[in-house]
Amino acid sequence: MCVKQVPDTANVEVDPVTGVLKRDGAQSKLNPYDLYAMESSLGMKERRMGEYDLILCGKQTTDGDTARVGPEVAQWLGIPHASNVLEIRETGPGWI
């Protein structure tokens, strides 16, 4: 599962030169969209480091809204991916 910390405020400034969020002094929290992936993974069987058969990512982050991490991880690993999954109804060995 992939998760990210994001600023815990909507009042984050953007550096006009670099275009990057100014995070200094801003409190952080777990990206809210990643919570859905975390909840789904906790309901599934044994999750372990190393080998994998499913990688869960949140829809997007509240600080960038690019929604690129999931598809980019799949591309880098050379595996298929699905975006905008609304619900996981049932899982079994080798299928979801």
PDB file of N, CA and C in Angstrom:
ATOM      1  N   MET A   1       0.839  -1.162   0.000  1.00  0.00           N
ATOM      2  CA  MET A   1       0.000   0.000   0.000  1.00  0.00           C
ATOM      3  C   MET A   1       0.885   1.226   0.000  1.00  0.00           C
ATOM      4  N   CYS A   2       0.533   2.210  -0.776  1.00  0.00           N
ATOM      5  CA  CYS A   2       1.275   3.465  -0.864  1.00  0.00           C
ATOM      6  C   CYS A   2       0.479   4.551  -0.134  1.00  0.00           C
ATOM      7  N   VAL A   3       1.141   5.282   0.754  1.00  0.00           N
ATOM      8  CA  VAL A   3       0.490   6.383   1.458  1.00  0.00           C
ATOM      9  C   VAL A   3       1.391   7.610   1.430  1.00  0.00           C
ATOM     10  N   LYS A   4       0.808   8.778   1.657  1.00  0.00           N
ATOM     11  CA  LYS A   4       1.556  10.020   1.638  1.00  0.00           C
ATOM     12  C   LYS A   4       1.068  10.947   2.736  1.00  0.00           C
ATOM     13  N   GLN A   5       1.990  11.702   3.310  1.00  0.00           N
ATOM     14  CA  GLN A   5       1.622  12.765   4.237  1.00  0.00           C
ATOM     15  C   GLN A   5       1.376  14.033   3.430  1.00  0.00           C
ATOM     16  N   VAL A   6       0.323  14.741   3.785  1.00  0.00           N
ATOM     17  CA  VAL A   6      -0.028  15.986   3.103  1.00  0.00           C
ATOM     18  C   VAL A   6      -0.241  17.067   4.154  1.00  0.00           C
ATOM     19  N   PRO A   7      -0.179  18.341   3.765  1.00  0.00           N
ATOM     20  CA  PRO A   7      -0.421  19.419   4.721  1.00  0.00           C
ATOM     21  C   PRO A   7      -1.821  19.324   5.318  1.00  0.00           C
ATOM     22  N   ASP A   8      -1.923  19.599   6.619  1.00  0.00           N
ATOM     23  CA  ASP A   8      -3.197  19.521   7.340  1.00  0.00           C
ATOM     24  C   ASP A   8      -3.916  20.865   7.314  1.00  0.00           C
ATOM     25  N   THR A   9      -3.917  21.514   6.196  1.00  0.00           N
ATOM     26  CA  THR A   9      -4.582  22.795   6.057  1.00  0.00           C
ATOM     27  C   THR A   9      -4.873  23.069   4.590  1.00  0.00           C
ATOM     28  N   ALA A  10      -5.865  23.875   4.350  1.00  0.00           N
ATOM     29  CA  ALA A  10      -6.160  24.286   2.978  1.00  0.00           C
ATOM     30  C   ALA A  10      -5.418  25.574   2.634  1.00  0.00           C
ATOM     31  N   ASN A  11      -4.797  26.197   3.639  1.00  0.00           N
ATOM     32  CA  ASN A  11      -4.111  27.473   3.439  1.00  0.00           C
ATOM     33  C   ASN A  11      -2.606  27.297   3.270  1.00  0.00           C
ATOM     34  N   VAL A  12      -2.200  26.496   2.304  1.00  0.00           N
ATOM     35  CA  VAL A  12      -0.788  26.283   2.028  1.00  0.00           C
ATOM     36  C   VAL A  12      -0.403  27.170   0.853  1.00  0.00           C
ATOM     37  N   GLU A  13       0.737  27.839   0.996  1.00  0.00           N
ATOM     38  CA  GLU A  13       1.197  28.722  -0.067  1.00  0.00           C
ATOM     39  C   GLU A  13       2.071  27.970  -1.064  1.00  0.00           C
ATOM     40  N   VAL A  14       2.097  28.474  -2.280  1.00  0.00           N
ATOM     41  CA  VAL A  14       2.936  27.913  -3.333  1.00  0.00           C
ATOM     42  C   VAL A  14       4.087  28.878  -3.585  1.00  0.00           C
ATOM     43  N   ASP A  15       5.304  28.353  -3.650  1.00  0.00           N
ATOM     44  CA  ASP A  15       6.475  29.170  -3.958  1.00  0.00           C
ATOM     45  C   ASP A  15       6.348  29.656  -5.395  1.00  0.00           C
ATOM     46  N   PRO A  16       6.339  30.968  -5.609  1.00  0.00           N
ATOM     47  CA  PRO A  16       6.128  31.495  -6.970  1.00  0.00           C
ATOM     48  C   PRO A  16       7.261  31.171  -7.939  1.00  0.00           C
ATOM     49  N   VAL A  17       8.455  30.889  -7.422  1.00  0.00           N
ATOM     50  CA  VAL A  17       9.591  30.594  -8.285  1.00  0.00           C
ATOM     51  C   VAL A  17       9.630  29.120  -8.676  1.00  0.00           C
ATOM     52  N   THR A  18       9.473  28.226  -7.672  1.00  0.00           N
ATOM     53  CA  THR A  18       9.598  26.784  -7.939  1.00  0.00           C
ATOM     54  C   THR A  18       8.273  26.108  -8.249  1.00  0.00           C
ATOM     55  N   GLY A  19       7.152  26.723  -7.832  1.00  0.00           N
ATOM     56  CA  GLY A  19       5.844  26.107  -8.022  1.00  0.00           C
ATOM     57  C   GLY A  19       5.566  24.984  -7.045  1.00  0.00           C
ATOM     58  N   VAL A  20       6.403  24.854  -5.994  1.00  0.00           N
ATOM     59  CA  VAL A  20       6.279  23.796  -4.998  1.00  0.00           C
ATOM     60  C   VAL A  20       5.574  24.351  -3.762  1.00  0.00           C
ATOM     61  N   LEU A  21       4.772  23.490  -3.109  1.00  0.00           N
ATOM     62  CA  LEU A  21       4.099  23.921  -1.884  1.00  0.00           C
ATOM     63  C   LEU A  21       5.116  24.261  -0.806  1.00  0.00           C
ATOM     64  N   LYS A  22       4.849  25.329  -0.063  1.00  0.00           N
ATOM     65  CA  LYS A  22       5.686  25.689   1.082  1.00  0.00           C
ATOM     66  C   LYS A  22       5.180  24.885   2.279  1.00  0.00           C
ATOM     67  N   ARG A  23       5.961  23.902   2.713  1.00  0.00           N
ATOM     68  CA  ARG A  23       5.539  23.006   3.784  1.00  0.00           C
ATOM     69  C   ARG A  23       6.126  23.377   5.140  1.00  0.00           C
ATOM     70  N   ASP A  24       7.049  24.322   5.169  1.00  0.00           N
ATOM     71  CA  ASP A  24       7.683  24.692   6.429  1.00  0.00           C
ATOM     72  C   ASP A  24       6.650  25.176   7.439  1.00  0.00           C
ATOM     73  N   GLY A  25       6.645  24.547   8.596  1.00  0.00           N
ATOM     74  CA  GLY A  25       5.752  24.947   9.670  1.00  0.00           C
ATOM     75  C   GLY A  25       4.333  24.420   9.547  1.00  0.00           C
ATOM     76  N   ALA A  26       3.996  23.789   8.457  1.00  0.00           N
ATOM     77  CA  ALA A  26       2.638  23.262   8.270  1.00  0.00           C
ATOM     78  C   ALA A  26       2.534  21.874   8.904  1.00  0.00           C
ATOM     79  N   GLN A  27       1.479  21.642   9.666  1.00  0.00           N
ATOM     80  CA  GLN A  27       1.219  20.321  10.231  1.00  0.00           C
ATOM     81  C   GLN A  27       0.883  19.363   9.089  1.00  0.00           C
ATOM     82  N   SER A  28       1.205  18.093   9.284  1.00  0.00           N
ATOM     83  CA  SER A  28       0.924  17.085   8.264  1.00  0.00           C
ATOM     84  C   SER A  28      -0.100  16.080   8.768  1.00  0.00           C
ATOM     85  N   LYS A  29      -0.754  15.420   7.829  1.00  0.00           N
ATOM     86  CA  LYS A  29      -1.685  14.342   8.140  1.00  0.00           C
ATOM     87  C   LYS A  29      -1.600  13.305   7.026  1.00  0.00           C
ATOM     88  N   LEU A  30      -2.155  12.136   7.258  1.00  0.00           N
ATOM     89  CA  LEU A  30      -2.226  11.120   6.225  1.00  0.00           C
ATOM     90  C   LEU A  30      -3.204  11.582   5.156  1.00  0.00           C
ATOM     91  N   ASN A  31      -2.816  11.448   3.916  1.00  0.00           N
ATOM     92  CA  ASN A  31      -3.690  11.830   2.810  1.00  0.00           C
ATOM     93  C   ASN A  31      -5.040  11.128   2.952  1.00  0.00           C
ATOM     94  N   PRO A  32      -6.149  11.868   3.002  1.00  0.00           N
ATOM     95  CA  PRO A  32      -7.462  11.257   3.224  1.00  0.00           C
ATOM     96  C   PRO A  32      -7.826  10.168   2.206  1.00  0.00           C
ATOM     97  N   TYR A  33      -7.454  10.338   0.944  1.00  0.00           N
ATOM     98  CA  TYR A  33      -7.773   9.323  -0.056  1.00  0.00           C
ATOM     99  C   TYR A  33      -7.024   8.021   0.181  1.00  0.00           C
ATOM    100  N   ASP A  34      -5.858   8.094   0.826  1.00  0.00           N
ATOM    101  CA  ASP A  34      -5.094   6.887   1.132  1.00  0.00           C
ATOM    102  C   ASP A  34      -5.759   6.063   2.231  1.00  0.00           C
ATOM    103  N   LEU A  35      -6.598   6.691   3.036  1.00  0.00           N
ATOM    104  CA  LEU A  35      -7.309   5.965   4.091  1.00  0.00           C
ATOM    105  C   LEU A  35      -8.213   4.877   3.514  1.00  0.00           C
ATOM    106  N   TYR A  36      -8.827   5.152   2.355  1.00  0.00           N
ATOM    107  CA  TYR A  36      -9.683   4.146   1.716  1.00  0.00           C
ATOM    108  C   TYR A  36      -8.870   2.917   1.323  1.00  0.00           C
ATOM    109  N   ALA A  37      -7.690   3.143   0.755  1.00  0.00           N
ATOM    110  CA  ALA A  37      -6.817   2.022   0.383  1.00  0.00           C
ATOM    111  C   ALA A  37      -6.369   1.269   1.632  1.00  0.00           C
ATOM    112  N   MET A  38      -6.070   2.008   2.700  1.00  0.00           N
ATOM    113  CA  MET A  38      -5.640   1.374   3.942  1.00  0.00           C
ATOM    114  C   MET A  38      -6.756   0.517   4.539  1.00  0.00           C
ATOM    115  N   GLU A  39      -7.971   1.033   4.571  1.00  0.00           N
ATOM    116  CA  GLU A  39      -9.102   0.276   5.099  1.00  0.00           C
ATOM    117  C   GLU A  39      -9.347  -0.988   4.280  1.00  0.00           C
ATOM    118  N   SER A  40      -9.251  -0.873   2.957  1.00  0.00           N
ATOM    119  CA  SER A  40      -9.451  -2.039   2.097  1.00  0.00           C
ATOM    120  C   SER A  40      -8.389  -3.095   2.340  1.00  0.00           C
ATOM    121  N   SER A  41      -7.152  -2.662   2.503  1.00  0.00           N
ATOM    122  CA  SER A  41      -6.073  -3.632   2.694  1.00  0.00           C
ATOM    123  C   SER A  41      -6.187  -4.344   4.035  1.00  0.00           C
ATOM    124  N   LEU A  42      -6.681  -3.654   5.058  1.00  0.00           N
ATOM    125  CA  LEU A  42      -6.819  -4.276   6.373  1.00  0.00           C
ATOM    126  C   LEU A  42      -7.872  -5.377   6.371  1.00  0.00           C
ATOM    127  N   GLY A  43      -8.852  -5.256   5.475  1.00  0.00           N
ATOM    128  CA  GLY A  43      -9.897  -6.265   5.397  1.00  0.00           C
ATOM    129  C   GLY A  43      -9.500  -7.488   4.576  1.00  0.00           C
ATOM    130  N   MET A  44      -8.350  -7.434   3.939  1.00  0.00           N
ATOM    131  CA  MET A  44      -7.906  -8.558   3.113  1.00  0.00           C
ATOM    132  C   MET A  44      -6.973  -9.456   3.912  1.00  0.00           C
ATOM    133  N   LYS A  45      -6.703 -10.625   3.349  1.00  0.00           N
ATOM    134  CA  LYS A  45      -5.804 -11.566   4.000  1.00  0.00           C
ATOM    135  C   LYS A  45      -4.403 -11.002   4.120  1.00  0.00           C
ATOM    136  N   GLU A  46      -3.546 -11.761   4.708  1.00  0.00           N
ATOM    137  CA  GLU A  46      -2.151 -11.457   5.009  1.00  0.00           C
ATOM    138  C   GLU A  46      -1.494 -10.542   3.975  1.00  0.00           C
ATOM    139  N   ARG A  47      -1.039  -9.280   4.455  1.00  0.00           N
ATOM    140  CA  ARG A  47      -0.305  -8.347   3.611  1.00  0.00           C
ATOM    141  C   ARG A  47       1.120  -8.384   4.060  1.00  0.00           C
ATOM    142  N   ARG A  48       2.146  -8.592   3.164  1.00  0.00           N
ATOM    143  CA  ARG A  48       3.528  -8.697   3.602  1.00  0.00           C
ATOM    144  C   ARG A  48       4.444  -7.897   2.689  1.00  0.00           C
ATOM    145  N   MET A  49       5.607  -7.629   3.168  1.00  0.00           N
ATOM    146  CA  MET A  49       6.614  -6.898   2.405  1.00  0.00           C
ATOM    147  C   MET A  49       7.279  -7.842   1.413  1.00  0.00           C
ATOM    148  N   GLY A  50       7.771  -7.315   0.315  1.00  0.00           N
ATOM    149  CA  GLY A  50       8.473  -8.128  -0.672  1.00  0.00           C
ATOM    150  C   GLY A  50       7.556  -8.500  -1.812  1.00  0.00           C
ATOM    151  N   GLU A  51       7.209  -9.765  -1.915  1.00  0.00           N
ATOM    152  CA  GLU A  51       6.337 -10.218  -2.995  1.00  0.00           C
ATOM    153  C   GLU A  51       4.958  -9.574  -2.856  1.00  0.00           C
ATOM    154  N   TYR A  52       4.276  -9.398  -3.955  1.00  0.00           N
ATOM    155  CA  TYR A  52       2.971  -8.752  -3.925  1.00  0.00           C
ATOM    156  C   TYR A  52       2.078  -9.353  -5.000  1.00  0.00           C
ATOM    157  N   ASP A  53       0.784  -9.253  -4.777  1.00  0.00           N
ATOM    158  CA  ASP A  53      -0.163  -9.586  -5.827  1.00  0.00           C
ATOM    159  C   ASP A  53      -1.181  -8.468  -6.009  1.00  0.00           C
ATOM    160  N   LEU A  54      -1.131  -7.473  -5.133  1.00  0.00           N
ATOM    161  CA  LEU A  54      -2.021  -6.326  -5.235  1.00  0.00           C
ATOM    162  C   LEU A  54      -1.359  -5.137  -4.555  1.00  0.00           C
ATOM    163  N   ILE A  55      -1.341  -4.009  -5.229  1.00  0.00           N
ATOM    164  CA  ILE A  55      -0.812  -2.769  -4.661  1.00  0.00           C
ATOM    165  C   ILE A  55      -1.952  -1.769  -4.649  1.00  0.00           C
ATOM    166  N   LEU A  56      -2.246  -1.220  -3.486  1.00  0.00           N
ATOM    167  CA  LEU A  56      -3.339  -0.257  -3.359  1.00  0.00           C
ATOM    168  C   LEU A  56      -2.783   1.147  -3.166  1.00  0.00           C
ATOM    169  N   CYS A  57      -3.356   2.092  -3.872  1.00  0.00           N
ATOM    170  CA  CYS A  57      -3.005   3.503  -3.738  1.00  0.00           C
ATOM    171  C   CYS A  57      -4.303   4.285  -3.613  1.00  0.00           C
ATOM    172  N   GLY A  58      -4.231   5.426  -2.963  1.00  0.00           N
ATOM    173  CA  GLY A  58      -5.395   6.303  -2.901  1.00  0.00           C
ATOM    174  C   GLY A  58      -5.667   6.934  -4.256  1.00  0.00           C
ATOM    175  N   LYS A  59      -6.836   7.499  -4.394  1.00  0.00           N
ATOM    176  CA  LYS A  59      -7.272   8.114  -5.656  1.00  0.00           C
ATOM    177  C   LYS A  59      -6.299   9.205  -6.126  1.00  0.00           C
ATOM    178  N   GLN A  60      -5.923  10.076  -5.222  1.00  0.00           N
ATOM    179  CA  GLN A  60      -5.027  11.197  -5.506  1.00  0.00           C
ATOM    180  C   GLN A  60      -4.610  11.790  -4.178  1.00  0.00           C
ATOM    181  N   THR A  61      -3.788  12.813  -4.189  1.00  0.00           N
ATOM    182  CA  THR A  61      -3.427  13.480  -2.938  1.00  0.00           C
ATOM    183  C   THR A  61      -4.095  14.848  -2.889  1.00  0.00           C
ATOM    184  N   THR A  62      -4.330  15.316  -1.696  1.00  0.00           N
ATOM    185  CA  THR A  62      -4.977  16.621  -1.548  1.00  0.00           C
ATOM    186  C   THR A  62      -4.010  17.768  -1.779  1.00  0.00           C
ATOM    187  N   ASP A  63      -2.712  17.475  -1.849  1.00  0.00           N
ATOM    188  CA  ASP A  63      -1.754  18.560  -2.074  1.00  0.00           C
ATOM    189  C   ASP A  63      -1.304  18.692  -3.524  1.00  0.00           C
ATOM    190  N   GLY A  64      -1.568  17.699  -4.344  1.00  0.00           N
ATOM    191  CA  GLY A  64      -1.136  17.778  -5.736  1.00  0.00           C
ATOM    192  C   GLY A  64      -2.231  17.440  -6.720  1.00  0.00           C
ATOM    193  N   ASP A  65      -3.144  16.558  -6.322  1.00  0.00           N
ATOM    194  CA  ASP A  65      -4.287  16.155  -7.153  1.00  0.00           C
ATOM    195  C   ASP A  65      -3.896  15.633  -8.532  1.00  0.00           C
ATOM    196  N   THR A  66      -2.707  15.029  -8.648  1.00  0.00           N
ATOM    197  CA  THR A  66      -2.284  14.561  -9.967  1.00  0.00           C
ATOM    198  C   THR A  66      -2.748  13.151 -10.278  1.00  0.00           C
ATOM    199  N   ALA A  67      -3.007  12.333  -9.266  1.00  0.00           N
ATOM    200  CA  ALA A  67      -3.477  10.949  -9.449  1.00  0.00           C
ATOM    201  C   ALA A  67      -2.537  10.135 -10.324  1.00  0.00           C
ATOM    202  N   ARG A  68      -1.237  10.365 -10.203  1.00  0.00           N
ATOM    203  CA  ARG A  68      -0.266   9.686 -11.065  1.00  0.00           C
ATOM    204  C   ARG A  68       0.451   8.518 -10.400  1.00  0.00           C
ATOM    205  N   VAL A  69       0.516   8.468  -9.086  1.00  0.00           N
ATOM    206  CA  VAL A  69       1.368   7.484  -8.414  1.00  0.00           C
ATOM    207  C   VAL A  69       0.972   6.049  -8.741  1.00  0.00           C
ATOM    208  N   GLY A  70      -0.300   5.700  -8.612  1.00  0.00           N
ATOM    209  CA  GLY A  70      -0.730   4.333  -8.894  1.00  0.00           C
ATOM    210  C   GLY A  70      -0.370   3.872 -10.294  1.00  0.00           C
ATOM    211  N   PRO A  71      -0.792   4.606 -11.340  1.00  0.00           N
ATOM    212  CA  PRO A  71      -0.430   4.214 -12.700  1.00  0.00           C
ATOM    213  C   PRO A  71       1.082   4.204 -12.950  1.00  0.00           C
ATOM    214  N   GLU A  72       1.816   5.147 -12.343  1.00  0.00           N
ATOM    215  CA  GLU A  72       3.272   5.177 -12.546  1.00  0.00           C
ATOM    216  C   GLU A  72       3.956   3.995 -11.877  1.00  0.00           C
ATOM    217  N   VAL A  73       3.499   3.603 -10.689  1.00  0.00           N
ATOM    218  CA  VAL A  73       4.068   2.433 -10.017  1.00  0.00           C
ATOM    219  C   VAL A  73       3.808   1.188 -10.865  1.00  0.00           C
ATOM    220  N   ALA A  74       2.587   1.046 -11.375  1.00  0.00           N
ATOM    221  CA  ALA A  74       2.256  -0.110 -12.222  1.00  0.00           C
ATOM    222  C   ALA A  74       3.121  -0.126 -13.479  1.00  0.00           C
ATOM    223  N   GLN A  75       3.293   1.010 -14.101  1.00  0.00           N
ATOM    224  CA  GLN A  75       4.125   1.098 -15.303  1.00  0.00           C
ATOM    225  C   GLN A  75       5.559   0.707 -14.993  1.00  0.00           C
ATOM    226  N   TRP A  76       6.087   1.226 -13.890  1.00  0.00           N
ATOM    227  CA  TRP A  76       7.465   0.932 -13.493  1.00  0.00           C
ATOM    228  C   TRP A  76       7.656  -0.554 -13.211  1.00  0.00           C
ATOM    229  N   LEU A  77       6.654  -1.194 -12.592  1.00  0.00           N
ATOM    230  CA  LEU A  77       6.741  -2.620 -12.277  1.00  0.00           C
ATOM    231  C   LEU A  77       6.335  -3.518 -13.440  1.00  0.00           C
ATOM    232  N   GLY A  78       5.759  -2.927 -14.485  1.00  0.00           N
ATOM    233  CA  GLY A  78       5.329  -3.709 -15.644  1.00  0.00           C
ATOM    234  C   GLY A  78       4.118  -4.577 -15.361  1.00  0.00           C
ATOM    235  N   ILE A  79       3.187  -4.062 -14.539  1.00  0.00           N
ATOM    236  CA  ILE A  79       1.985  -4.813 -14.182  1.00  0.00           C
ATOM    237  C   ILE A  79       0.746  -4.016 -14.583  1.00  0.00           C
ATOM    238  N   PRO A  80      -0.398  -4.688 -14.753  1.00  0.00           N
ATOM    239  CA  PRO A  80      -1.630  -3.961 -15.090  1.00  0.00           C
ATOM    240  C   PRO A  80      -2.114  -3.133 -13.895  1.00  0.00           C
ATOM    241  N   HIS A  81      -2.960  -2.153 -14.187  1.00  0.00           N
ATOM    242  CA  HIS A  81      -3.538  -1.355 -13.109  1.00  0.00           C
ATOM    243  C   HIS A  81      -4.978  -0.986 -13.440  1.00  0.00           C
ATOM    244  N   ALA A  82      -5.700  -0.631 -12.400  1.00  0.00           N
ATOM    245  CA  ALA A  82      -7.066  -0.135 -12.547  1.00  0.00           C
ATOM    246  C   ALA A  82      -7.171   1.154 -11.756  1.00  0.00           C
ATOM    247  N   SER A  83      -7.794   2.159 -12.333  1.00  0.00           N
ATOM    248  CA  SER A  83      -7.970   3.450 -11.670  1.00  0.00           C
ATOM    249  C   SER A  83      -9.438   3.678 -11.357  1.00  0.00           C
ATOM    250  N   ASN A  84      -9.688   4.557 -10.409  1.00  0.00           N
ATOM    251  CA  ASN A  84     -11.044   4.952 -10.030  1.00  0.00           C
ATOM    252  C   ASN A  84     -11.911   3.780  -9.590  1.00  0.00           C
ATOM    253  N   VAL A  85     -11.330   2.850  -8.849  1.00  0.00           N
ATOM    254  CA  VAL A  85     -12.083   1.728  -8.292  1.00  0.00           C
ATOM    255  C   VAL A  85     -12.933   2.263  -7.148  1.00  0.00           C
ATOM    256  N   LEU A  86     -14.218   2.023  -7.198  1.00  0.00           N
ATOM    257  CA  LEU A  86     -15.129   2.550  -6.190  1.00  0.00           C
ATOM    258  C   LEU A  86     -15.387   1.578  -5.046  1.00  0.00           C
ATOM    259  N   GLU A  87     -15.243   0.277  -5.322  1.00  0.00           N
ATOM    260  CA  GLU A  87     -15.573  -0.710  -4.298  1.00  0.00           C
ATOM    261  C   GLU A  87     -14.869  -2.030  -4.609  1.00  0.00           C
ATOM    262  N   ILE A  88     -14.395  -2.699  -3.562  1.00  0.00           N
ATOM    263  CA  ILE A  88     -13.878  -4.062  -3.689  1.00  0.00           C
ATOM    264  C   ILE A  88     -14.898  -4.948  -3.002  1.00  0.00           C
ATOM    265  N   ARG A  89     -15.610  -5.732  -3.787  1.00  0.00           N
ATOM    266  CA  ARG A  89     -16.697  -6.536  -3.233  1.00  0.00           C
ATOM    267  C   ARG A  89     -16.231  -7.854  -2.666  1.00  0.00           C
ATOM    268  N   GLU A  90     -15.308  -8.512  -3.355  1.00  0.00           N
ATOM    269  CA  GLU A  90     -14.890  -9.836  -2.917  1.00  0.00           C
ATOM    270  C   GLU A  90     -13.502 -10.121  -3.488  1.00  0.00           C
ATOM    271  N   THR A  91     -12.721 -10.898  -2.751  1.00  0.00           N
ATOM    272  CA  THR A  91     -11.404 -11.302  -3.224  1.00  0.00           C
ATOM    273  C   THR A  91     -11.230 -12.794  -3.035  1.00  0.00           C
ATOM    274  N   GLY A  92     -10.322 -13.369  -3.777  1.00  0.00           N
ATOM    275  CA  GLY A  92      -9.979 -14.775  -3.659  1.00  0.00           C
ATOM    276  C   GLY A  92      -8.569 -14.999  -4.138  1.00  0.00           C
ATOM    277  N   PRO A  93      -8.081 -16.203  -4.076  1.00  0.00           N
ATOM    278  CA  PRO A  93      -6.716 -16.475  -4.526  1.00  0.00           C
ATOM    279  C   PRO A  93      -6.553 -16.135  -6.014  1.00  0.00           C
ATOM    280  N   GLY A  94      -5.798 -15.086  -6.298  1.00  0.00           N
ATOM    281  CA  GLY A  94      -5.518 -14.706  -7.685  1.00  0.00           C
ATOM    282  C   GLY A  94      -6.582 -13.874  -8.360  1.00  0.00           C
ATOM    283  N   TRP A  95      -7.601 -13.442  -7.645  1.00  0.00           N
ATOM    284  CA  TRP A  95      -8.636 -12.606  -8.272  1.00  0.00           C
ATOM    285  C   TRP A  95      -9.220 -11.616  -7.263  1.00  0.00           C
ATOM    286  N   ILE A  96      -9.830 -10.576  -7.815  1.00  0.00           N
ATOM    287  CA  ILE A  96     -10.470  -9.553  -6.977  1.00  0.00           C
ATOM    288  C   ILE A  96     -11.752  -9.095  -7.650  1.00  0.00           C
TER     289      ILE A  96
END
